[in-house]
Amino acid sequence: MPVEQGFYTVKEAAAVLGITESTIRRAIQNGAIRADKFGARLNTTTPAEVERYRQERLGRQGWDKRRAPEYRPSRGARWAKEYRARKKMRSAQRDGRDNSGRDNTTASHD
C-alpha cells in the first residue's frame, strides 16, 4: 500500500516497474524520476511519475534501444565494435583460418 493515498515508496515503485530498489534510487538521484523526500530517508513518488518513467525509460535499453531507427552508437561503442572485429580477424589469421572461420591449413583433396 502506498504511504499516503496517491504515492509510492521506492520499494513499491520498484515492485510496480519490476526493477530493483537500487535502480529506482539511482533514477531518483540522477533526476530521471521526480520524488519528494519525507524525513531523512523516505522518498515517495506519484503513480503518474512511475508510469512516465516506464514509458520513457523501460524497454528503451539494450537491444530494444539499439534496434530503434533513430539510434546512433556512441563513439566508444563504435570503437569497441571495430576493436572486436580487429581482434577476431587477428585471431583467425593466427589460427590459420580465413574470415569465414574455415580452416586454411588442411590440404585440399582433389
PDB file of N, CA and C in Angstrom:
ATOM      1  N   MET A   1       0.835  -1.196   0.000  1.00  0.00           N
ATOM      2  CA  MET A   1       0.000   0.000   0.000  1.00  0.00           C
ATOM      3  C   MET A   1       0.868   1.243   0.000  1.00  0.00           C
ATOM      4  N   PRO A   2       0.450   2.248  -0.726  1.00  0.00           N
ATOM      5  CA  PRO A   2       1.208   3.491  -0.723  1.00  0.00           C
ATOM      6  C   PRO A   2       1.258   4.131   0.657  1.00  0.00           C
ATOM      7  N   VAL A   3       2.292   4.950   0.892  1.00  0.00           N
ATOM      8  CA  VAL A   3       2.466   5.645   2.163  1.00  0.00           C
ATOM      9  C   VAL A   3       1.250   6.526   2.427  1.00  0.00           C
ATOM     10  N   GLU A   4       0.945   7.365   1.491  1.00  0.00           N
ATOM     11  CA  GLU A   4      -0.272   8.162   1.528  1.00  0.00           C
ATOM     12  C   GLU A   4      -1.015   7.853   0.243  1.00  0.00           C
ATOM     13  N   GLN A   5      -2.272   8.156   0.219  1.00  0.00           N
ATOM     14  CA  GLN A   5      -3.050   7.909  -0.989  1.00  0.00           C
ATOM     15  C   GLN A   5      -2.411   8.634  -2.159  1.00  0.00           C
ATOM     16  N   GLY A   6      -2.073   7.886  -3.201  1.00  0.00           N
ATOM     17  CA  GLY A   6      -1.525   8.504  -4.396  1.00  0.00           C
ATOM     18  C   GLY A   6      -0.013   8.601  -4.428  1.00  0.00           C
ATOM     19  N   PHE A   7       0.700   7.957  -3.510  1.00  0.00           N
ATOM     20  CA  PHE A   7       2.159   7.990  -3.509  1.00  0.00           C
ATOM     21  C   PHE A   7       2.716   6.583  -3.382  1.00  0.00           C
ATOM     22  N   TYR A   8       3.880   6.371  -3.988  1.00  0.00           N
ATOM     23  CA  TYR A   8       4.610   5.107  -3.871  1.00  0.00           C
ATOM     24  C   TYR A   8       5.927   5.342  -3.153  1.00  0.00           C
ATOM     25  N   THR A   9       6.320   4.388  -2.326  1.00  0.00           N
ATOM     26  CA  THR A   9       7.677   4.391  -1.781  1.00  0.00           C
ATOM     27  C   THR A   9       8.601   3.815  -2.847  1.00  0.00           C
ATOM     28  N   VAL A  10       9.896   3.851  -2.572  1.00  0.00           N
ATOM     29  CA  VAL A  10      10.869   3.280  -3.504  1.00  0.00           C
ATOM     30  C   VAL A  10      10.584   1.790  -3.705  1.00  0.00           C
ATOM     31  N   LYS A  11      10.310   1.095  -2.639  1.00  0.00           N
ATOM     32  CA  LYS A  11      10.043  -0.351  -2.708  1.00  0.00           C
ATOM     33  C   LYS A  11       8.802  -0.639  -3.545  1.00  0.00           C
ATOM     34  N   GLU A  12       7.746   0.135  -3.344  1.00  0.00           N
ATOM     35  CA  GLU A  12       6.510  -0.070  -4.097  1.00  0.00           C
ATOM     36  C   GLU A  12       6.684   0.284  -5.573  1.00  0.00           C
ATOM     37  N   ALA A  13       7.408   1.362  -5.858  1.00  0.00           N
ATOM     38  CA  ALA A  13       7.654   1.750  -7.250  1.00  0.00           C
ATOM     39  C   ALA A  13       8.474   0.675  -7.959  1.00  0.00           C
ATOM     40  N   ALA A  14       9.461   0.110  -7.258  1.00  0.00           N
ATOM     41  CA  ALA A  14      10.280  -0.954  -7.842  1.00  0.00           C
ATOM     42  C   ALA A  14       9.426  -2.185  -8.141  1.00  0.00           C
ATOM     43  N   ALA A  15       8.530  -2.518  -7.245  1.00  0.00           N
ATOM     44  CA  ALA A  15       7.651  -3.672  -7.463  1.00  0.00           C
ATOM     45  C   ALA A  15       6.724  -3.443  -8.654  1.00  0.00           C
ATOM     46  N   VAL A  16       6.184  -2.250  -8.780  1.00  0.00           N
ATOM     47  CA  VAL A  16       5.281  -1.925  -9.884  1.00  0.00           C
ATOM     48  C   VAL A  16       6.021  -2.004 -11.222  1.00  0.00           C
ATOM     49  N   LEU A  17       7.260  -1.513 -11.258  1.00  0.00           N
ATOM     50  CA  LEU A  17       8.032  -1.489 -12.502  1.00  0.00           C
ATOM     51  C   LEU A  17       8.765  -2.796 -12.773  1.00  0.00           C
ATOM     52  N   GLY A  18       8.906  -3.628 -11.757  1.00  0.00           N
ATOM     53  CA  GLY A  18       9.614  -4.890 -11.937  1.00  0.00           C
ATOM     54  C   GLY A  18      11.121  -4.720 -12.016  1.00  0.00           C
ATOM     55  N   ILE A  19      11.649  -3.711 -11.332  1.00  0.00           N
ATOM     56  CA  ILE A  19      13.088  -3.484 -11.275  1.00  0.00           C
ATOM     57  C   ILE A  19      13.519  -3.398  -9.818  1.00  0.00           C
ATOM     58  N   THR A  20      14.808  -3.292  -9.573  1.00  0.00           N
ATOM     59  CA  THR A  20      15.302  -3.290  -8.203  1.00  0.00           C
ATOM     60  C   THR A  20      15.144  -1.922  -7.545  1.00  0.00           C
ATOM     61  N   GLU A  21      15.165  -1.943  -6.219  1.00  0.00           N
ATOM     62  CA  GLU A  21      15.078  -0.692  -5.469  1.00  0.00           C
ATOM     63  C   GLU A  21      16.280   0.200  -5.747  1.00  0.00           C
ATOM     64  N   SER A  22      17.462  -0.414  -5.915  1.00  0.00           N
ATOM     65  CA  SER A  22      18.654   0.395  -6.184  1.00  0.00           C
ATOM     66  C   SER A  22      18.545   1.116  -7.522  1.00  0.00           C
ATOM     67  N   THR A  23      17.874   0.500  -8.493  1.00  0.00           N
ATOM     68  CA  THR A  23      17.668   1.159  -9.788  1.00  0.00           C
ATOM     69  C   THR A  23      16.759   2.370  -9.619  1.00  0.00           C
ATOM     70  N   ILE A  24      15.713   2.226  -8.813  1.00  0.00           N
ATOM     71  CA  ILE A  24      14.806   3.356  -8.535  1.00  0.00           C
ATOM     72  C   ILE A  24      15.563   4.468  -7.814  1.00  0.00           C
ATOM     73  N   ARG A  25      16.352   4.100  -6.801  1.00  0.00           N
ATOM     74  CA  ARG A  25      17.109   5.111  -6.058  1.00  0.00           C
ATOM     75  C   ARG A  25      18.087   5.849  -6.985  1.00  0.00           C
ATOM     76  N   ARG A  26      18.752   5.116  -7.879  1.00  0.00           N
ATOM     77  CA  ARG A  26      19.679   5.730  -8.823  1.00  0.00           C
ATOM     78  C   ARG A  26      18.932   6.667  -9.774  1.00  0.00           C
ATOM     79  N   ALA A  27      17.745   6.251 -10.224  1.00  0.00           N
ATOM     80  CA  ALA A  27      16.953   7.091 -11.122  1.00  0.00           C
ATOM     81  C   ALA A  27      16.520   8.375 -10.414  1.00  0.00           C
ATOM     82  N   ILE A  28      16.182   8.271  -9.143  1.00  0.00           N
ATOM     83  CA  ILE A  28      15.815   9.463  -8.368  1.00  0.00           C
ATOM     84  C   ILE A  28      17.025  10.370  -8.219  1.00  0.00           C
ATOM     85  N   GLN A  29      18.168   9.776  -7.894  1.00  0.00           N
ATOM     86  CA  GLN A  29      19.390  10.556  -7.710  1.00  0.00           C
ATOM     87  C   GLN A  29      19.808  11.257  -9.004  1.00  0.00           C
ATOM     88  N   ASN A  30      19.635  10.587 -10.140  1.00  0.00           N
ATOM     89  CA  ASN A  30      20.015  11.165 -11.440  1.00  0.00           C
ATOM     90  C   ASN A  30      18.963  12.110 -12.000  1.00  0.00           C
ATOM     91  N   GLY A  31      17.801  12.171 -11.373  1.00  0.00           N
ATOM     92  CA  GLY A  31      16.750  13.068 -11.829  1.00  0.00           C
ATOM     93  C   GLY A  31      15.816  12.459 -12.857  1.00  0.00           C
ATOM     94  N   ALA A  32      15.938  11.161 -13.122  1.00  0.00           N
ATOM     95  CA  ALA A  32      15.064  10.514 -14.101  1.00  0.00           C
ATOM     96  C   ALA A  32      13.660  10.320 -13.538  1.00  0.00           C
ATOM     97  N   ILE A  33      13.553  10.207 -12.221  1.00  0.00           N
ATOM     98  CA  ILE A  33      12.257  10.119 -11.540  1.00  0.00           C
ATOM     99  C   ILE A  33      12.205  11.244 -10.519  1.00  0.00           C
ATOM    100  N   ARG A  34      11.136  12.014 -10.580  1.00  0.00           N
ATOM    101  CA  ARG A  34      10.953  13.070  -9.586  1.00  0.00           C
ATOM    102  C   ARG A  34      10.344  12.451  -8.338  1.00  0.00           C
ATOM    103  N   ALA A  35      10.904  12.797  -7.180  1.00  0.00           N
ATOM    104  CA  ALA A  35      10.415  12.238  -5.925  1.00  0.00           C
ATOM    105  C   ALA A  35      10.489  13.294  -4.837  1.00  0.00           C
ATOM    106  N   ASP A  36       9.635  13.138  -3.851  1.00  0.00           N
ATOM    107  CA  ASP A  36       9.653  14.004  -2.675  1.00  0.00           C
ATOM    108  C   ASP A  36      10.235  13.215  -1.520  1.00  0.00           C
ATOM    109  N   LYS A  37      10.989  13.900  -0.682  1.00  0.00           N
ATOM    110  CA  LYS A  37      11.618  13.248   0.451  1.00  0.00           C
ATOM    111  C   LYS A  37      10.841  13.589   1.717  1.00  0.00           C
ATOM    112  N   PHE A  38      10.471  12.557   2.454  1.00  0.00           N
ATOM    113  CA  PHE A  38       9.811  12.734   3.742  1.00  0.00           C
ATOM    114  C   PHE A  38      10.778  12.269   4.814  1.00  0.00           C
ATOM    115  N   GLY A  39      11.153  13.165   5.684  1.00  0.00           N
ATOM    116  CA  GLY A  39      12.122  12.810   6.703  1.00  0.00           C
ATOM    117  C   GLY A  39      13.511  12.668   6.094  1.00  0.00           C
ATOM    118  N   ALA A  40      14.347  11.933   6.785  1.00  0.00           N
ATOM    119  CA  ALA A  40      15.731  11.797   6.349  1.00  0.00           C
ATOM    120  C   ALA A  40      15.905  10.759   5.244  1.00  0.00           C
ATOM    121  N   ARG A  41      15.019   9.756   5.174  1.00  0.00           N
ATOM    122  CA  ARG A  41      15.296   8.635   4.284  1.00  0.00           C
ATOM    123  C   ARG A  41      14.172   8.214   3.354  1.00  0.00           C
ATOM    124  N   LEU A  42      12.978   8.661   3.514  1.00  0.00           N
ATOM    125  CA  LEU A  42      11.849   8.129   2.764  1.00  0.00           C
ATOM    126  C   LEU A  42      11.558   8.972   1.519  1.00  0.00           C
ATOM    127  N   ASN A  43      11.770   8.378   0.354  1.00  0.00           N
ATOM    128  CA  ASN A  43      11.428   9.013  -0.915  1.00  0.00           C
ATOM    129  C   ASN A  43      10.084   8.482  -1.379  1.00  0.00           C
ATOM    130  N   THR A  44       9.226   9.377  -1.859  1.00  0.00           N
ATOM    131  CA  THR A  44       7.945   8.959  -2.414  1.00  0.00           C
ATOM    132  C   THR A  44       7.761   9.608  -3.778  1.00  0.00           C
ATOM    133  N   THR A  45       7.013   8.929  -4.620  1.00  0.00           N
ATOM    134  CA  THR A  45       6.727   9.459  -5.948  1.00  0.00           C
ATOM    135  C   THR A  45       5.294   9.104  -6.318  1.00  0.00           C
ATOM    136  N   THR A  46       4.757   9.784  -7.292  1.00  0.00           N
ATOM    137  CA  THR A  46       3.370   9.562  -7.686  1.00  0.00           C
ATOM    138  C   THR A  46       3.276   8.433  -8.709  1.00  0.00           C
ATOM    139  N   PRO A  47       2.111   7.790  -8.798  1.00  0.00           N
ATOM    140  CA  PRO A  47       1.916   6.766  -9.834  1.00  0.00           C
ATOM    141  C   PRO A  47       2.096   7.323 -11.247  1.00  0.00           C
ATOM    142  N   ALA A  48       1.719   8.579 -11.462  1.00  0.00           N
ATOM    143  CA  ALA A  48       1.892   9.191 -12.787  1.00  0.00           C
ATOM    144  C   ALA A  48       3.376   9.302 -13.140  1.00  0.00           C
ATOM    145  N   GLU A  49       4.209   9.624 -12.165  1.00  0.00           N
ATOM    146  CA  GLU A  49       5.648   9.726 -12.395  1.00  0.00           C
ATOM    147  C   GLU A  49       6.258   8.352 -12.684  1.00  0.00           C
ATOM    148  N   VAL A  50       5.773   7.343 -11.987  1.00  0.00           N
ATOM    149  CA  VAL A  50       6.243   5.971 -12.223  1.00  0.00           C
ATOM    150  C   VAL A  50       5.862   5.530 -13.638  1.00  0.00           C
ATOM    151  N   GLU A  51       4.662   5.846 -14.065  1.00  0.00           N
ATOM    152  CA  GLU A  51       4.212   5.483 -15.416  1.00  0.00           C
ATOM    153  C   GLU A  51       4.998   6.251 -16.478  1.00  0.00           C
ATOM    154  N   ARG A  52       5.294   7.519 -16.229  1.00  0.00           N
ATOM    155  CA  ARG A  52       6.106   8.305 -17.158  1.00  0.00           C
ATOM    156  C   ARG A  52       7.490   7.670 -17.315  1.00  0.00           C
ATOM    157  N   TYR A  53       8.086   7.263 -16.204  1.00  0.00           N
ATOM    158  CA  TYR A  53       9.396   6.615 -16.251  1.00  0.00           C
ATOM    159  C   TYR A  53       9.316   5.309 -17.035  1.00  0.00           C
ATOM    160  N   ARG A  54       8.257   4.551 -16.819  1.00  0.00           N
ATOM    161  CA  ARG A  54       8.090   3.284 -17.537  1.00  0.00           C
ATOM    162  C   ARG A  54       8.063   3.520 -19.049  1.00  0.00           C
ATOM    163  N   GLN A  55       7.307   4.499 -19.487  1.00  0.00           N
ATOM    164  CA  GLN A  55       7.164   4.754 -20.917  1.00  0.00           C
ATOM    165  C   GLN A  55       8.429   5.341 -21.536  1.00  0.00           C
ATOM    166  N   GLU A  56       9.140   6.184 -20.786  1.00  0.00           N
ATOM    167  CA  GLU A  56      10.331   6.825 -21.330  1.00  0.00           C
ATOM    168  C   GLU A  56      11.569   5.950 -21.259  1.00  0.00           C
ATOM    169  N   ARG A  57      11.730   5.189 -20.202  1.00  0.00           N
ATOM    170  CA  ARG A  57      12.987   4.502 -19.954  1.00  0.00           C
ATOM    171  C   ARG A  57      12.924   2.994 -20.137  1.00  0.00           C
ATOM    172  N   LEU A  58      11.929   2.351 -19.576  1.00  0.00           N
ATOM    173  CA  LEU A  58      11.893   0.898 -19.625  1.00  0.00           C
ATOM    174  C   LEU A  58      11.593   0.436 -21.037  1.00  0.00           C
ATOM    175  N   GLY A  59      12.289  -0.578 -21.476  1.00  0.00           N
ATOM    176  CA  GLY A  59      12.124  -1.067 -22.832  1.00  0.00           C
ATOM    177  C   GLY A  59      12.926  -0.276 -23.845  1.00  0.00           C
ATOM    178  N   ARG A  60      13.657   0.728 -23.400  1.00  0.00           N
ATOM    179  CA  ARG A  60      14.482   1.537 -24.293  1.00  0.00           C
ATOM    180  C   ARG A  60      15.958   1.346 -23.943  1.00  0.00           C
ATOM    181  N   GLN A  61      16.286   0.164 -23.465  1.00  0.00           N
ATOM    182  CA  GLN A  61      17.656  -0.129 -23.089  1.00  0.00           C
ATOM    183  C   GLN A  61      18.089  -1.382 -23.834  1.00  0.00           C
ATOM    184  N   GLY A  62      19.363  -1.587 -23.925  1.00  0.00           N
ATOM    185  CA  GLY A  62      19.872  -2.806 -24.527  1.00  0.00           C
ATOM    186  C   GLY A  62      19.476  -2.932 -25.988  1.00  0.00           C
ATOM    187  N   TRP A  63      19.053  -4.148 -26.358  1.00  0.00           N
ATOM    188  CA  TRP A  63      18.737  -4.420 -27.765  1.00  0.00           C
ATOM    189  C   TRP A  63      17.573  -3.583 -28.272  1.00  0.00           C
ATOM    190  N   ASP A  64      16.563  -3.363 -27.432  1.00  0.00           N
ATOM    191  CA  ASP A  64      15.426  -2.559 -27.878  1.00  0.00           C
ATOM    192  C   ASP A  64      15.880  -1.162 -28.281  1.00  0.00           C
ATOM    193  N   LYS A  65      16.772  -0.594 -27.506  1.00  0.00           N
ATOM    194  CA  LYS A  65      17.277   0.742 -27.806  1.00  0.00           C
ATOM    195  C   LYS A  65      18.094   0.720 -29.098  1.00  0.00           C
ATOM    196  N   ARG A  66      18.950  -0.294 -29.253  1.00  0.00           N
ATOM    197  CA  ARG A  66      19.822  -0.338 -30.430  1.00  0.00           C
ATOM    198  C   ARG A  66      19.074  -0.677 -31.708  1.00  0.00           C
ATOM    199  N   ARG A  67      17.910  -1.270 -31.614  1.00  0.00           N
ATOM    200  CA  ARG A  67      17.116  -1.593 -32.806  1.00  0.00           C
ATOM    201  C   ARG A  67      16.268  -0.421 -33.289  1.00  0.00           C
ATOM    202  N   ALA A  68      16.134   0.594 -32.470  1.00  0.00           N
ATOM    203  CA  ALA A  68      15.309   1.742 -32.846  1.00  0.00           C
ATOM    204  C   ALA A  68      15.921   2.447 -34.054  1.00  0.00           C
ATOM    205  N   PRO A  69      15.101   2.901 -35.003  1.00  0.00           N
ATOM    206  CA  PRO A  69      15.630   3.525 -36.219  1.00  0.00           C
ATOM    207  C   PRO A  69      16.451   4.786 -35.957  1.00  0.00           C
ATOM    208  N   GLU A  70      16.153   5.509 -34.890  1.00  0.00           N
ATOM    209  CA  GLU A  70      16.867   6.756 -34.618  1.00  0.00           C
ATOM    210  C   GLU A  70      18.148   6.548 -33.814  1.00  0.00           C
ATOM    211  N   TYR A  71      18.472   5.292 -33.481  1.00  0.00           N
ATOM    212  CA  TYR A  71      19.656   5.012 -32.657  1.00  0.00           C
ATOM    213  C   TYR A  71      20.951   5.258 -33.418  1.00  0.00           C
ATOM    214  N   ARG A  72      21.865   5.962 -32.806  1.00  0.00           N
ATOM    215  CA  ARG A  72      23.207   6.170 -33.334  1.00  0.00           C
ATOM    216  C   ARG A  72      24.185   5.765 -32.232  1.00  0.00           C
ATOM    217  N   PRO A  73      25.072   4.792 -32.496  1.00  0.00           N
ATOM    218  CA  PRO A  73      26.003   4.357 -31.446  1.00  0.00           C
ATOM    219  C   PRO A  73      26.969   5.468 -31.056  1.00  0.00           C
ATOM    220  N   SER A  74      27.394   5.440 -29.820  1.00  0.00           N
ATOM    221  CA  SER A  74      28.343   6.431 -29.339  1.00  0.00           C
ATOM    222  C   SER A  74      29.720   6.159 -29.941  1.00  0.00           C
ATOM    223  N   ARG A  75      30.604   7.104 -29.800  1.00  0.00           N
ATOM    224  CA  ARG A  75      31.964   6.942 -30.309  1.00  0.00           C
ATOM    225  C   ARG A  75      32.642   5.739 -29.654  1.00  0.00           C
ATOM    226  N   GLY A  76      32.424   5.567 -28.354  1.00  0.00           N
ATOM    227  CA  GLY A  76      33.011   4.434 -27.638  1.00  0.00           C
ATOM    228  C   GLY A  76      32.450   3.105 -28.112  1.00  0.00           C
ATOM    229  N   ALA A  77      31.157   3.063 -28.399  1.00  0.00           N
ATOM    230  CA  ALA A  77      30.535   1.822 -28.882  1.00  0.00           C
ATOM    231  C   ALA A  77      31.053   1.467 -30.272  1.00  0.00           C
ATOM    232  N   ARG A  78      31.223   2.470 -31.121  1.00  0.00           N
ATOM    233  CA  ARG A  78      31.783   2.207 -32.459  1.00  0.00           C
ATOM    234  C   ARG A  78      33.207   1.683 -32.351  1.00  0.00           C
ATOM    235  N   TRP A  79      34.003   2.313 -31.481  1.00  0.00           N
ATOM    236  CA  TRP A  79      35.377   1.873 -31.292  1.00  0.00           C
ATOM    237  C   TRP A  79      35.414   0.432 -30.790  1.00  0.00           C
ATOM    238  N   ALA A  80      34.560   0.100 -29.812  1.00  0.00           N
ATOM    239  CA  ALA A  80      34.533  -1.254 -29.256  1.00  0.00           C
ATOM    240  C   ALA A  80      34.167  -2.285 -30.323  1.00  0.00           C
ATOM    241  N   LYS A  81      33.210  -1.953 -31.175  1.00  0.00           N
ATOM    242  CA  LYS A  81      32.805  -2.882 -32.234  1.00  0.00           C
ATOM    243  C   LYS A  81      33.949  -3.100 -33.228  1.00  0.00           C
ATOM    244  N   GLU A  82      34.615  -2.013 -33.606  1.00  0.00           N
ATOM    245  CA  GLU A  82      35.748  -2.130 -34.523  1.00  0.00           C
ATOM    246  C   GLU A  82      36.899  -2.898 -33.878  1.00  0.00           C
ATOM    247  N   TYR A  83      37.134  -2.671 -32.598  1.00  0.00           N
ATOM    248  CA  TYR A  83      38.193  -3.375 -31.876  1.00  0.00           C
ATOM    249  C   TYR A  83      37.926  -4.880 -31.854  1.00  0.00           C
ATOM    250  N   ARG A  84      36.695  -5.262 -31.557  1.00  0.00           N
ATOM    251  CA  ARG A  84      36.354  -6.697 -31.530  1.00  0.00           C
ATOM    252  C   ARG A  84      36.527  -7.330 -32.905  1.00  0.00           C
ATOM    253  N   ALA A  85      36.186  -6.596 -33.964  1.00  0.00           N
ATOM    254  CA  ALA A  85      36.353  -7.125 -35.323  1.00  0.00           C
ATOM    255  C   ALA A  85      37.840  -7.312 -35.640  1.00  0.00           C
ATOM    256  N   ARG A  86      38.676  -6.325 -35.272  1.00  0.00           N
ATOM    257  CA  ARG A  86      40.120  -6.459 -35.498  1.00  0.00           C
ATOM    258  C   ARG A  86      40.690  -7.631 -34.707  1.00  0.00           C
ATOM    259  N   LYS A  87      40.274  -7.776 -33.481  1.00  0.00           N
ATOM    260  CA  LYS A  87      40.761  -8.855 -32.623  1.00  0.00           C
ATOM    261  C   LYS A  87      40.357 -10.217 -33.187  1.00  0.00           C
ATOM    262  N   LYS A  88      39.136 -10.323 -33.652  1.00  0.00           N
ATOM    263  CA  LYS A  88      38.662 -11.580 -34.235  1.00  0.00           C
ATOM    264  C   LYS A  88      39.457 -11.914 -35.494  1.00  0.00           C
ATOM    265  N   MET A  89      39.743 -10.901 -36.333  1.00  0.00           N
ATOM    266  CA  MET A  89      40.493 -11.128 -37.559  1.00  0.00           C
ATOM    267  C   MET A  89      41.922 -11.582 -37.244  1.00  0.00           C
ATOM    268  N   ARG A  90      42.579 -10.925 -36.278  1.00  0.00           N
ATOM    269  CA  ARG A  90      43.940 -11.328 -35.897  1.00  0.00           C
ATOM    270  C   ARG A  90      43.961 -12.747 -35.349  1.00  0.00           C
ATOM    271  N   SER A  91      42.969 -13.098 -34.558  1.00  0.00           N
ATOM    272  CA  SER A  91      42.891 -14.445 -34.006  1.00  0.00           C
ATOM    273  C   SER A  91      42.709 -15.477 -35.114  1.00  0.00           C
ATOM    274  N   ALA A  92      41.865 -15.158 -36.086  1.00  0.00           N
ATOM    275  CA  ALA A  92      41.627 -16.078 -37.200  1.00  0.00           C
ATOM    276  C   ALA A  92      42.887 -16.246 -38.036  1.00  0.00           C
ATOM    277  N   GLN A  93      43.598 -15.150 -38.262  1.00  0.00           N
ATOM    278  CA  GLN A  93      44.831 -15.237 -39.038  1.00  0.00           C
ATOM    279  C   GLN A  93      45.878 -16.056 -38.298  1.00  0.00           C
ATOM    280  N   ARG A  94      45.971 -15.873 -37.013  1.00  0.00           N
ATOM    281  CA  ARG A  94      46.935 -16.597 -36.209  1.00  0.00           C
ATOM    282  C   ARG A  94      46.629 -18.101 -36.198  1.00  0.00           C
ATOM    283  N   ASP A  95      45.361 -18.440 -36.187  1.00  0.00           N
ATOM    284  CA  ASP A  95      44.950 -19.842 -36.149  1.00  0.00           C
ATOM    285  C   ASP A  95      44.882 -20.478 -37.533  1.00  0.00           C
ATOM    286  N   GLY A  96      45.147 -19.721 -38.582  1.00  0.00           N
ATOM    287  CA  GLY A  96      45.150 -20.259 -39.936  1.00  0.00           C
ATOM    288  C   GLY A  96      43.780 -20.391 -40.552  1.00  0.00           C
ATOM    289  N   ARG A  97      42.851 -19.539 -40.146  1.00  0.00           N
ATOM    290  CA  ARG A  97      41.504 -19.566 -40.725  1.00  0.00           C
ATOM    291  C   ARG A  97      41.299 -18.326 -41.550  1.00  0.00           C
ATOM    292  N   ASP A  98      40.371 -18.414 -42.511  1.00  0.00           N
ATOM    293  CA  ASP A  98      40.006 -17.196 -43.232  1.00  0.00           C
ATOM    294  C   ASP A  98      38.894 -16.506 -42.447  1.00  0.00           C
ATOM    295  N   ASN A  99      38.367 -15.416 -42.970  1.00  0.00           N
ATOM    296  CA  ASN A  99      37.361 -14.644 -42.240  1.00  0.00           C
ATOM    297  C   ASN A  99      36.074 -15.409 -41.991  1.00  0.00           C
ATOM    298  N   SER A 100      35.797 -16.435 -42.784  1.00  0.00           N
ATOM    299  CA  SER A 100      34.559 -17.192 -42.590  1.00  0.00           C
ATOM    300  C   SER A 100      34.690 -18.217 -41.485  1.00  0.00           C
ATOM    301  N   GLY A 101      35.908 -18.423 -40.966  1.00  0.00           N
ATOM    302  CA  GLY A 101      36.103 -19.387 -39.904  1.00  0.00           C
ATOM    303  C   GLY A 101      36.551 -20.742 -40.409  1.00  0.00           C
ATOM    304  N   ARG A 102      36.691 -20.897 -41.741  1.00  0.00           N
ATOM    305  CA  ARG A 102      37.134 -22.172 -42.306  1.00  0.00           C
ATOM    306  C   ARG A 102      38.639 -22.317 -42.153  1.00  0.00           C
ATOM    307  N   ASP A 103      39.066 -23.528 -41.939  1.00  0.00           N
ATOM    308  CA  ASP A 103      40.478 -23.831 -41.735  1.00  0.00           C
ATOM    309  C   ASP A 103      41.216 -23.817 -43.069  1.00  0.00           C
ATOM    310  N   ASN A 104      42.259 -23.006 -43.175  1.00  0.00           N
ATOM    311  CA  ASN A 104      43.050 -22.924 -44.398  1.00  0.00           C
ATOM    312  C   ASN A 104      44.308 -23.785 -44.341  1.00  0.00           C
ATOM    313  N   THR A 105      44.570 -24.427 -43.242  1.00  0.00           N
ATOM    314  CA  THR A 105      45.813 -25.169 -43.089  1.00  0.00           C
ATOM    315  C   THR A 105      45.726 -26.598 -43.589  1.00  0.00           C
ATOM    316  N   THR A 106      44.534 -27.125 -43.820  1.00  0.00           N
ATOM    317  CA  THR A 106      44.413 -28.514 -44.286  1.00  0.00           C
ATOM    318  C   THR A 106      44.688 -28.594 -45.776  1.00  0.00           C
ATOM    319  N   ALA A 107      45.202 -29.712 -46.193  1.00  0.00           N
ATOM    320  CA  ALA A 107      45.485 -29.927 -47.620  1.00  0.00           C
ATOM    321  C   ALA A 107      44.198 -30.132 -48.383  1.00  0.00           C
ATOM    322  N   SER A 108      44.149 -29.635 -49.597  1.00  0.00           N
ATOM    323  CA  SER A 108      42.942 -29.819 -50.408  1.00  0.00           C
ATOM    324  C   SER A 108      42.929 -31.221 -50.971  1.00  0.00           C
ATOM    325  N   HIS A 109      41.775 -31.795 -51.083  1.00  0.00           N
ATOM    326  CA  HIS A 109      41.591 -33.145 -51.592  1.00  0.00           C
ATOM    327  C   HIS A 109      41.001 -33.060 -52.981  1.00  0.00           C
ATOM    328  N   ASP A 110      41.822 -33.281 -53.998  1.00  0.00           N
ATOM    329  CA  ASP A 110      41.331 -33.212 -55.373  1.00  0.00           C
ATOM    330  C   ASP A 110      40.978 -34.556 -55.908  1.00  0.00           C
TER     331      ASP A 110
END
